[in-house]
Amino acid sequence: MTPRAADRARYDRATAALDAPLAIVDLEAFDANADDLVRRAGGKPIRVASKSVRCRALLDRVLARDGFAGVMSFTLAESLWLARAGFEDVLLAYPSADRAGFGELTRDPKPAAAVTVMVDDVAQLDLIDAARAGGTEEVRVCLEMDTSLRLLGGRVRIGARRSPLRTPAQLAELARSVVRRPGFRLVGLMAYEGHVAGVGDAVTGRPLRSRAVRAMQAVARRELAERRAAVVGAVRAVAPELEFVNGGGTGSVQHTAAEAAVTEIAAGSGLYVPRLFDDYSSFRGRPAALFAQPVVRRPGVGIVTVLGGGYPASGAAGRDRLPVPYLPEGLRYEPQEGPGEVQTPLLGSPADDLRIGDKVWFRHAKAGELCERFEALHLVEGDRVVDTVPTYRGEGRTFL
């Protein structure tokens, strides 16, 4: 029996009394992935990206482990909710225009002390001030710098379009605006290198593309390390009490941690290890989060149909954004239909051994987006479900 076949047998036994559709997290794999992230971080703390987990019980589990500290949230409403639930260090990774949320933040000392908001424009500070509605709590602020790689005099740009702030002078100028402004305190700097952390460099069947990605990332890491150090120096000259410099992501943990200017690493997807994280040469994780769909039809030889399953991931549309049939091994999509909203035909010889009601296990392309489809995660140890915990959706929280 192959390791994957053994996992399938375990998951089927663990969930034998549960009807699909359902989602699980294999706790042994989850914990092993957490240990690997800590090893790669080389002693620097890892801030957990909540959008890649979207389950408070599992956020608590990983934050209880040595090597992890703080949460990186994705909306202001989520940040406030986590702070009121007892999370004491929440960095909002994206600018917000949630006026009601800023009103709450500036009126309540508990979330104001726990939550740090992201800015890259003076206009965002203006919006927060206009939303205070009498709130006087000091707002903790983090600046975000652009990490994109610019080549050929800027004619070629590689990387996500995030912050407009790129140079030490630009970051220092905004830092001065924050420091001079009553009601704000500059505490952090963030730089997320998505073109390094979020792009696989060992894509199966595409050796030339993989080689090009590795070459690009090597150049990008060198350029960013030098520029990030200069930016941190410029910002610290304005705000010597800066508490943290955040960088990285699951795919670049060890590289970002090696930079002296970076004090903490962000990571989250590496806990679940979704499909998009199979294509990296620098690390190998264990798939920990899966979902199962039930077989509901057997249209013919070598084909079964499962209920639902059309859960594409965000990003530029393409096959790499689709979930993949994982267990049993050897199933594939019907090319004319793909994964459907209500039904998904699957082809392959393993289909002939599946019966009505059997489970087919899938891996999502991305991590936390799986939790937007399920209200609960069944936590598996060995061949037993040891707990069932709500996702954000299961707690009635759909932040985006």
Protein backbone atom coordinates (compact mmCIF):
# COMPACT_ATOMS: atom_id res chain seq x y z
CA MET A 1 0.00 0.00 0.00
CA THR A 2 1.39 3.40 -0.99
CA PRO A 3 1.57 6.18 1.63
CA ARG A 4 -1.29 7.98 -0.10
CA ALA A 5 -3.41 4.84 -0.16
CA ALA A 6 -2.71 4.41 3.56
CA ASP A 7 -3.85 7.99 4.18
CA ARG A 8 -7.03 7.34 2.23
CA ALA A 9 -7.77 4.27 4.33
CA ARG A 10 -7.22 6.28 7.52
CA TYR A 11 -9.42 9.15 6.42
CA ASP A 12 -12.18 6.82 5.27
CA ARG A 13 -12.13 4.99 8.61
CA ALA A 14 -12.05 8.23 10.59
CA THR A 15 -15.06 9.65 8.74
CA ALA A 16 -16.99 6.44 8.15
CA ALA A 17 -19.92 7.70 10.24
CA LEU A 18 -19.95 11.13 8.58
CA ASP A 19 -21.62 12.02 5.32
CA ALA A 20 -19.73 14.00 2.69
CA PRO A 21 -19.30 16.75 1.67
CA LEU A 22 -16.95 17.40 4.58
CA ALA A 23 -13.49 18.81 5.30
CA ILE A 24 -10.72 17.49 7.51
CA VAL A 25 -7.38 18.59 8.89
CA ASP A 26 -4.83 15.87 9.60
CA LEU A 27 -3.31 17.07 12.88
CA GLU A 28 -0.12 15.04 12.53
CA ALA A 29 0.54 16.65 9.14
CA PHE A 30 -0.49 20.10 10.44
CA ASP A 31 1.94 19.88 13.37
CA ALA A 32 4.75 18.53 11.18
CA ASN A 33 4.27 21.43 8.79
CA ALA A 34 4.37 23.87 11.72
CA ASP A 35 7.65 22.34 12.89
CA ASP A 36 9.11 22.68 9.38
CA LEU A 37 8.16 26.37 9.21
CA VAL A 38 9.87 26.98 12.54
CA ARG A 39 12.99 25.14 11.37
CA ARG A 40 13.13 27.21 8.19
CA ALA A 41 12.60 30.47 10.12
CA GLY A 42 15.89 29.90 11.97
CA GLY A 43 14.84 31.38 15.29
CA LYS A 44 12.77 34.30 14.04
CA PRO A 45 9.12 34.28 15.13
CA ILE A 46 6.43 33.39 12.62
CA ARG A 47 3.30 35.52 12.45
CA VAL A 48 0.40 33.32 11.32
CA ALA A 49 -1.55 34.52 8.28
CA SER A 50 -5.14 34.00 9.35
CA LYS A 51 -6.55 34.09 5.81
CA SER A 52 -4.71 30.82 5.20
CA VAL A 53 -6.23 29.14 8.30
CA ARG A 54 -9.68 30.72 8.92
CA CYS A 55 -10.35 28.64 12.01
CA ARG A 56 -9.86 30.04 15.51
CA ALA A 57 -9.21 26.64 17.08
CA LEU A 58 -6.32 25.98 14.71
CA LEU A 59 -4.96 29.52 15.14
CA ASP A 60 -4.92 28.83 18.88
CA ARG A 61 -3.22 25.48 18.30
CA VAL A 62 -0.36 26.85 16.23
CA LEU A 63 0.15 29.95 18.39
CA ALA A 64 0.59 27.69 21.42
CA ARG A 65 3.70 26.24 19.76
CA ASP A 66 7.19 27.64 20.22
CA GLY A 67 8.28 29.74 17.26
CA PHE A 68 4.92 31.35 16.48
CA ALA A 69 3.80 34.78 17.68
CA GLY A 70 0.97 36.99 16.51
CA VAL A 71 -1.63 36.92 13.76
CA MET A 72 -1.66 38.57 10.34
CA SER A 73 -5.32 39.28 9.58
CA PHE A 74 -7.00 40.20 6.30
CA THR A 75 -9.86 42.59 7.15
CA LEU A 76 -10.47 45.15 9.89
CA ALA A 77 -13.69 43.43 10.96
CA GLU A 78 -11.79 40.18 11.42
CA SER A 79 -9.05 42.00 13.33
CA LEU A 80 -11.56 43.47 15.79
CA TRP A 81 -13.27 40.11 16.24
CA LEU A 82 -9.97 38.34 16.95
CA ALA A 83 -8.87 41.06 19.38
CA ARG A 84 -12.12 40.81 21.33
CA ALA A 85 -11.71 37.01 21.38
CA GLY A 86 -8.38 37.41 23.18
CA PHE A 87 -5.77 37.52 20.41
CA GLU A 88 -3.33 40.16 21.67
CA ASP A 89 -1.20 40.87 18.59
CA VAL A 90 -3.06 41.26 15.30
CA LEU A 91 -1.46 42.88 12.26
CA LEU A 92 -3.96 43.86 9.55
CA ALA A 93 -2.08 43.06 6.33
CA TYR A 94 -4.12 45.28 3.98
CA PRO A 95 -5.34 48.88 4.08
CA SER A 96 -9.00 49.25 4.98
CA ALA A 97 -11.81 51.66 4.17
CA ASP A 98 -14.08 50.28 6.92
CA ARG A 99 -15.18 53.52 8.56
CA ALA A 100 -17.43 51.81 11.09
CA GLY A 101 -14.59 49.50 12.03
CA PHE A 102 -12.17 52.37 12.56
CA GLY A 103 -14.79 54.06 14.71
CA GLU A 104 -14.92 50.94 16.90
CA LEU A 105 -11.13 50.64 16.99
CA THR A 106 -10.60 54.21 18.19
CA ARG A 107 -13.31 53.96 20.87
CA ASP A 108 -12.29 50.66 22.49
CA PRO A 109 -8.94 50.36 24.28
CA LYS A 110 -8.77 46.54 24.02
CA PRO A 111 -8.66 46.21 20.23
CA ALA A 112 -6.74 49.49 19.93
CA ALA A 113 -3.93 47.92 21.97
CA ALA A 114 -4.01 44.64 20.03
CA VAL A 115 -4.56 45.67 16.40
CA THR A 116 -2.04 47.28 14.07
CA VAL A 117 -3.42 48.71 10.81
CA MET A 118 -1.67 48.95 7.43
CA VAL A 119 -1.14 52.21 5.55
CA ASP A 120 0.78 53.27 2.46
CA ASP A 121 -0.89 56.65 1.82
CA VAL A 122 -1.64 59.76 3.87
CA ALA A 123 -5.21 59.56 2.55
CA GLN A 124 -5.69 56.40 4.62
CA LEU A 125 -4.75 58.32 7.75
CA ASP A 126 -7.28 61.00 6.77
CA LEU A 127 -9.99 58.33 6.43
CA ILE A 128 -9.21 56.92 9.88
CA ASP A 129 -9.34 60.38 11.47
CA ALA A 130 -12.64 61.14 9.76
CA ALA A 131 -14.07 57.85 11.05
CA ARG A 132 -13.14 58.39 14.69
CA ALA A 133 -16.51 59.88 15.64
CA GLY A 134 -15.12 61.00 18.97
CA GLY A 135 -12.84 58.00 19.47
CA THR A 136 -9.56 58.99 21.08
CA GLU A 137 -7.59 55.72 21.24
CA GLU A 138 -4.17 55.81 19.63
CA VAL A 139 -4.00 53.81 16.38
CA ARG A 140 -1.04 51.49 15.86
CA VAL A 141 0.29 51.81 12.30
CA CYS A 142 2.43 49.64 10.03
CA LEU A 143 3.84 50.88 6.71
CA GLU A 144 3.97 48.62 3.66
CA MET A 145 6.70 48.84 1.05
CA ASP A 146 6.56 47.65 -2.54
CA THR A 147 8.74 44.58 -3.10
CA SER A 148 8.32 44.13 -6.86
CA LEU A 149 11.35 43.52 -9.03
CA ARG A 150 11.91 46.21 -11.68
CA LEU A 151 14.04 45.40 -14.72
CA LEU A 152 15.11 47.25 -17.86
CA GLY A 153 14.75 50.65 -16.26
CA GLY A 154 11.32 49.83 -14.88
CA ARG A 155 9.84 48.69 -18.18
CA VAL A 156 9.48 45.16 -16.75
CA ARG A 157 7.76 44.71 -13.40
CA ILE A 158 7.52 41.38 -11.55
CA GLY A 159 5.45 41.14 -8.39
CA ALA A 160 2.07 41.99 -6.91
CA ARG A 161 0.74 45.51 -7.27
CA ARG A 162 0.48 46.48 -3.63
CA SER A 163 2.07 49.52 -2.00
CA PRO A 164 3.06 52.60 -4.05
CA LEU A 165 5.99 53.14 -1.67
CA ARG A 166 9.26 51.76 -2.96
CA THR A 167 12.28 53.84 -1.99
CA PRO A 168 13.78 54.66 1.42
CA ALA A 169 12.89 58.31 0.88
CA GLN A 170 9.23 57.53 0.15
CA LEU A 171 8.86 55.31 3.22
CA ALA A 172 10.66 57.79 5.44
CA GLU A 173 8.37 60.62 4.28
CA LEU A 174 5.23 58.67 5.17
CA ALA A 175 6.84 57.64 8.46
CA ARG A 176 7.31 61.33 9.29
CA SER A 177 3.65 61.99 8.45
CA VAL A 178 2.57 59.28 10.90
CA VAL A 179 4.95 60.36 13.67
CA ARG A 180 3.85 64.02 13.40
CA ARG A 181 0.16 63.17 13.43
CA PRO A 182 -1.65 63.07 16.80
CA GLY A 183 -3.53 59.84 17.54
CA PHE A 184 -1.19 57.51 15.62
CA ARG A 185 1.89 55.50 16.54
CA LEU A 186 4.23 53.95 13.99
CA VAL A 187 5.15 50.46 15.18
CA GLY A 188 5.98 48.33 12.14
CA LEU A 189 7.07 47.87 8.56
CA MET A 190 5.88 45.11 6.22
CA ALA A 191 7.19 43.91 2.85
CA TYR A 192 5.56 40.85 1.25
CA GLU A 193 7.57 39.40 -1.63
CA GLY A 194 4.80 37.44 -3.32
CA HIS A 195 6.84 36.82 -6.48
CA VAL A 196 9.28 34.84 -4.32
CA ALA A 197 7.05 33.44 -1.57
CA GLY A 198 4.03 32.62 -3.71
CA VAL A 199 5.41 31.35 -7.02
CA GLY A 200 6.58 27.75 -7.33
CA ASP A 201 10.02 27.20 -8.85
CA ALA A 202 9.76 23.46 -9.61
CA VAL A 203 6.62 23.01 -11.71
CA THR A 204 6.16 19.43 -12.87
CA GLY A 205 6.51 19.09 -16.62
CA ARG A 206 7.74 22.67 -17.11
CA PRO A 207 11.53 22.62 -16.65
CA LEU A 208 12.25 25.76 -18.67
CA ARG A 209 9.67 27.82 -16.82
CA SER A 210 10.95 26.48 -13.50
CA ARG A 211 14.52 27.43 -14.38
CA ALA A 212 13.38 30.93 -15.37
CA VAL A 213 11.46 31.34 -12.10
CA ARG A 214 14.49 30.27 -10.07
CA ALA A 215 16.69 32.76 -11.91
CA MET A 216 14.16 35.57 -11.41
CA GLN A 217 13.78 34.77 -7.71
CA ALA A 218 17.53 34.75 -7.12
CA VAL A 219 17.79 38.23 -8.62
CA ALA A 220 14.70 39.41 -6.74
CA ARG A 221 15.99 38.18 -3.38
CA ARG A 222 19.29 40.01 -3.78
CA GLU A 223 17.67 43.24 -4.93
CA LEU A 224 15.03 43.18 -2.20
CA ALA A 225 17.43 42.35 0.64
CA GLU A 226 19.53 45.40 -0.19
CA ARG A 227 16.57 47.73 -0.67
CA ARG A 228 14.67 46.45 2.37
CA ALA A 229 17.69 47.04 4.60
CA ALA A 230 17.94 50.61 3.31
CA VAL A 231 14.21 51.21 3.85
CA VAL A 232 14.34 49.83 7.39
CA GLY A 233 17.29 52.08 8.18
CA ALA A 234 15.46 55.13 6.83
CA VAL A 235 12.26 54.37 8.75
CA ARG A 236 14.10 53.59 11.99
CA ALA A 237 15.82 56.97 11.71
CA VAL A 238 12.35 58.51 11.93
CA ALA A 239 10.85 56.00 14.39
CA PRO A 240 13.61 54.41 16.50
CA GLU A 241 11.04 52.49 18.58
CA LEU A 242 9.84 50.44 15.60
CA GLU A 243 8.62 47.13 17.06
CA PHE A 244 8.81 44.80 14.07
CA VAL A 245 9.79 44.37 10.43
CA ASN A 246 7.64 41.69 8.79
CA GLY A 247 8.50 39.87 5.59
CA GLY A 248 8.24 36.64 3.69
CA GLY A 249 5.62 34.00 3.17
CA THR A 250 5.47 30.20 3.15
CA GLY A 251 7.56 29.88 0.00
CA SER A 252 10.39 32.19 1.13
CA VAL A 253 10.64 31.64 4.89
CA GLN A 254 14.31 30.62 5.04
CA HIS A 255 15.45 33.28 2.57
CA THR A 256 13.63 36.17 4.27
CA ALA A 257 14.68 35.01 7.73
CA ALA A 258 18.31 35.29 6.65
CA GLU A 259 17.97 39.08 6.26
CA ALA A 260 19.21 40.90 9.35
CA ALA A 261 16.71 43.74 8.80
CA VAL A 262 13.70 41.40 9.13
CA THR A 263 12.53 40.62 12.66
CA GLU A 264 9.59 38.28 11.95
CA ILE A 265 8.24 36.09 9.16
CA ALA A 266 4.66 35.76 7.90
CA ALA A 267 3.35 32.31 6.94
CA GLY A 268 0.06 30.43 6.97
CA SER A 269 -0.46 28.34 3.84
CA GLY A 270 2.42 26.10 4.87
CA LEU A 271 0.30 24.71 7.70
CA TYR A 272 -2.33 23.23 5.35
CA VAL A 273 -0.03 22.80 2.29
CA PRO A 274 -2.57 23.24 -0.53
CA ARG A 275 -1.92 22.19 -4.11
CA LEU A 276 -0.09 25.39 -5.14
CA PHE A 277 2.69 24.58 -2.67
CA ASP A 278 3.72 21.35 -4.38
CA ASP A 279 5.93 23.23 -6.84
CA TYR A 280 8.80 24.40 -4.63
CA SER A 281 12.35 23.08 -4.66
CA SER A 282 13.31 24.43 -1.22
CA PHE A 283 10.81 22.58 0.96
CA ARG A 284 8.25 19.78 1.02
CA GLY A 285 5.19 19.90 3.24
CA ARG A 286 2.50 17.34 3.98
CA PRO A 287 -1.04 17.93 2.73
CA ALA A 288 -3.00 18.54 5.93
CA ALA A 289 -6.34 20.00 4.77
CA LEU A 290 -8.60 18.01 2.44
CA PHE A 291 -12.25 17.88 1.52
CA ALA A 292 -14.35 14.91 0.50
CA GLN A 293 -17.23 14.72 -1.97
CA PRO A 294 -19.55 11.69 -2.20
CA VAL A 295 -19.94 9.48 -5.25
CA VAL A 296 -23.54 9.89 -6.42
CA ARG A 297 -23.47 8.39 -9.93
CA ARG A 298 -21.66 5.75 -11.98
CA PRO A 299 -22.36 6.81 -15.59
CA GLY A 300 -20.19 4.13 -17.16
CA VAL A 301 -16.94 2.20 -17.12
CA GLY A 302 -14.06 4.25 -15.78
CA ILE A 303 -16.20 7.18 -14.63
CA VAL A 304 -17.96 8.29 -11.46
CA THR A 305 -19.76 11.51 -10.58
CA VAL A 306 -19.38 13.23 -7.22
CA LEU A 307 -21.61 15.87 -5.74
CA GLY A 308 -20.32 19.45 -6.14
CA GLY A 309 -16.62 20.17 -5.91
CA GLY A 310 -16.36 23.29 -8.08
CA TYR A 311 -14.33 25.34 -5.61
CA PRO A 312 -11.85 27.41 -7.66
CA ALA A 313 -9.23 29.50 -5.88
CA SER A 314 -8.70 33.22 -6.28
CA GLY A 315 -6.10 34.63 -8.67
CA ALA A 316 -5.71 34.66 -12.42
CA ALA A 317 -8.06 31.98 -13.79
CA GLY A 318 -6.36 28.78 -14.91
CA ARG A 319 -6.11 25.06 -14.24
CA ASP A 320 -3.75 25.67 -11.35
CA ARG A 321 -6.63 27.39 -9.49
CA LEU A 322 -8.76 24.24 -9.47
CA PRO A 323 -8.89 21.71 -6.65
CA VAL A 324 -7.29 18.39 -7.56
CA PRO A 325 -8.71 14.87 -7.05
CA TYR A 326 -6.23 13.38 -4.58
CA LEU A 327 -7.54 10.09 -3.17
CA PRO A 328 -7.92 7.52 -4.56
CA GLU A 329 -4.90 8.14 -6.76
CA GLY A 330 -5.41 8.22 -10.50
CA LEU A 331 -8.66 10.14 -10.91
CA ARG A 332 -8.87 13.15 -13.23
CA TYR A 333 -11.44 15.65 -14.41
CA GLU A 334 -13.57 15.12 -17.50
CA PRO A 335 -11.94 17.81 -19.71
CA GLN A 336 -15.22 19.10 -21.16
CA GLU A 337 -16.80 19.63 -17.72
CA GLY A 338 -14.11 20.07 -15.06
CA PRO A 339 -15.19 20.57 -11.43
CA GLY A 340 -18.83 21.62 -11.38
CA GLU A 341 -21.01 23.67 -9.06
CA VAL A 342 -23.39 20.74 -8.46
CA GLN A 343 -21.69 17.69 -9.92
CA THR A 344 -18.20 16.68 -11.02
CA PRO A 345 -17.50 13.71 -13.31
CA LEU A 346 -14.17 11.97 -12.65
CA LEU A 347 -12.35 9.65 -15.01
CA GLY A 348 -9.81 6.91 -14.41
CA SER A 349 -9.54 3.24 -13.58
CA PRO A 350 -10.00 3.81 -9.80
CA ALA A 351 -13.58 4.88 -10.61
CA ASP A 352 -14.52 1.24 -11.20
CA ASP A 353 -13.75 0.41 -7.56
CA LEU A 354 -15.86 3.22 -6.14
CA ARG A 355 -19.43 2.65 -4.98
CA ILE A 356 -22.32 5.05 -4.49
CA GLY A 357 -21.68 6.89 -1.23
CA ASP A 358 -17.90 6.42 -1.21
CA LYS A 359 -15.75 9.49 -0.63
CA VAL A 360 -13.36 11.06 -3.10
CA TRP A 361 -10.77 13.27 -1.40
CA PHE A 362 -9.62 16.56 -2.93
CA ARG A 363 -6.97 19.17 -2.21
CA HIS A 364 -7.84 22.83 -2.68
CA ALA A 365 -5.47 24.95 -4.76
CA LYS A 366 -5.10 27.47 -1.91
CA ALA A 367 -5.26 27.18 1.85
CA GLY A 368 -7.87 29.09 3.84
CA GLU A 369 -10.32 29.53 0.96
CA LEU A 370 -11.41 25.94 1.57
CA CYS A 371 -12.95 27.13 4.84
CA GLU A 372 -15.35 29.43 2.99
CA ARG A 373 -17.06 26.26 1.70
CA PHE A 374 -17.40 24.36 4.98
CA GLU A 375 -18.80 25.26 8.38
CA ALA A 376 -16.60 22.81 10.27
CA LEU A 377 -13.25 21.05 10.11
CA HIS A 378 -13.02 17.48 11.43
CA LEU A 379 -9.65 17.09 13.12
CA VAL A 380 -8.12 13.67 12.45
CA GLU A 381 -5.46 11.86 14.46
CA GLY A 382 -4.52 8.48 13.05
CA ASP A 383 -7.80 6.94 11.98
CA ARG A 384 -10.05 8.86 14.40
CA VAL A 385 -11.82 12.20 14.38
CA VAL A 386 -10.74 13.67 17.72
CA ASP A 387 -12.60 16.98 17.46
CA THR A 388 -14.83 19.01 15.19
CA VAL A 389 -14.24 22.76 15.20
CA PRO A 390 -15.98 25.62 13.39
CA THR A 391 -14.40 27.55 10.57
CA TYR A 392 -14.92 31.29 10.35
CA ARG A 393 -17.99 30.51 8.23
CA GLY A 394 -19.22 28.11 10.91
CA GLU A 395 -19.06 30.96 13.42
CA GLY A 396 -21.12 33.14 11.10
CA ARG A 397 -18.13 35.20 10.02
CA THR A 398 -17.65 35.78 6.30
CA PHE A 399 -15.32 38.75 6.12
CA LEU A 400 -14.89 38.90 2.34
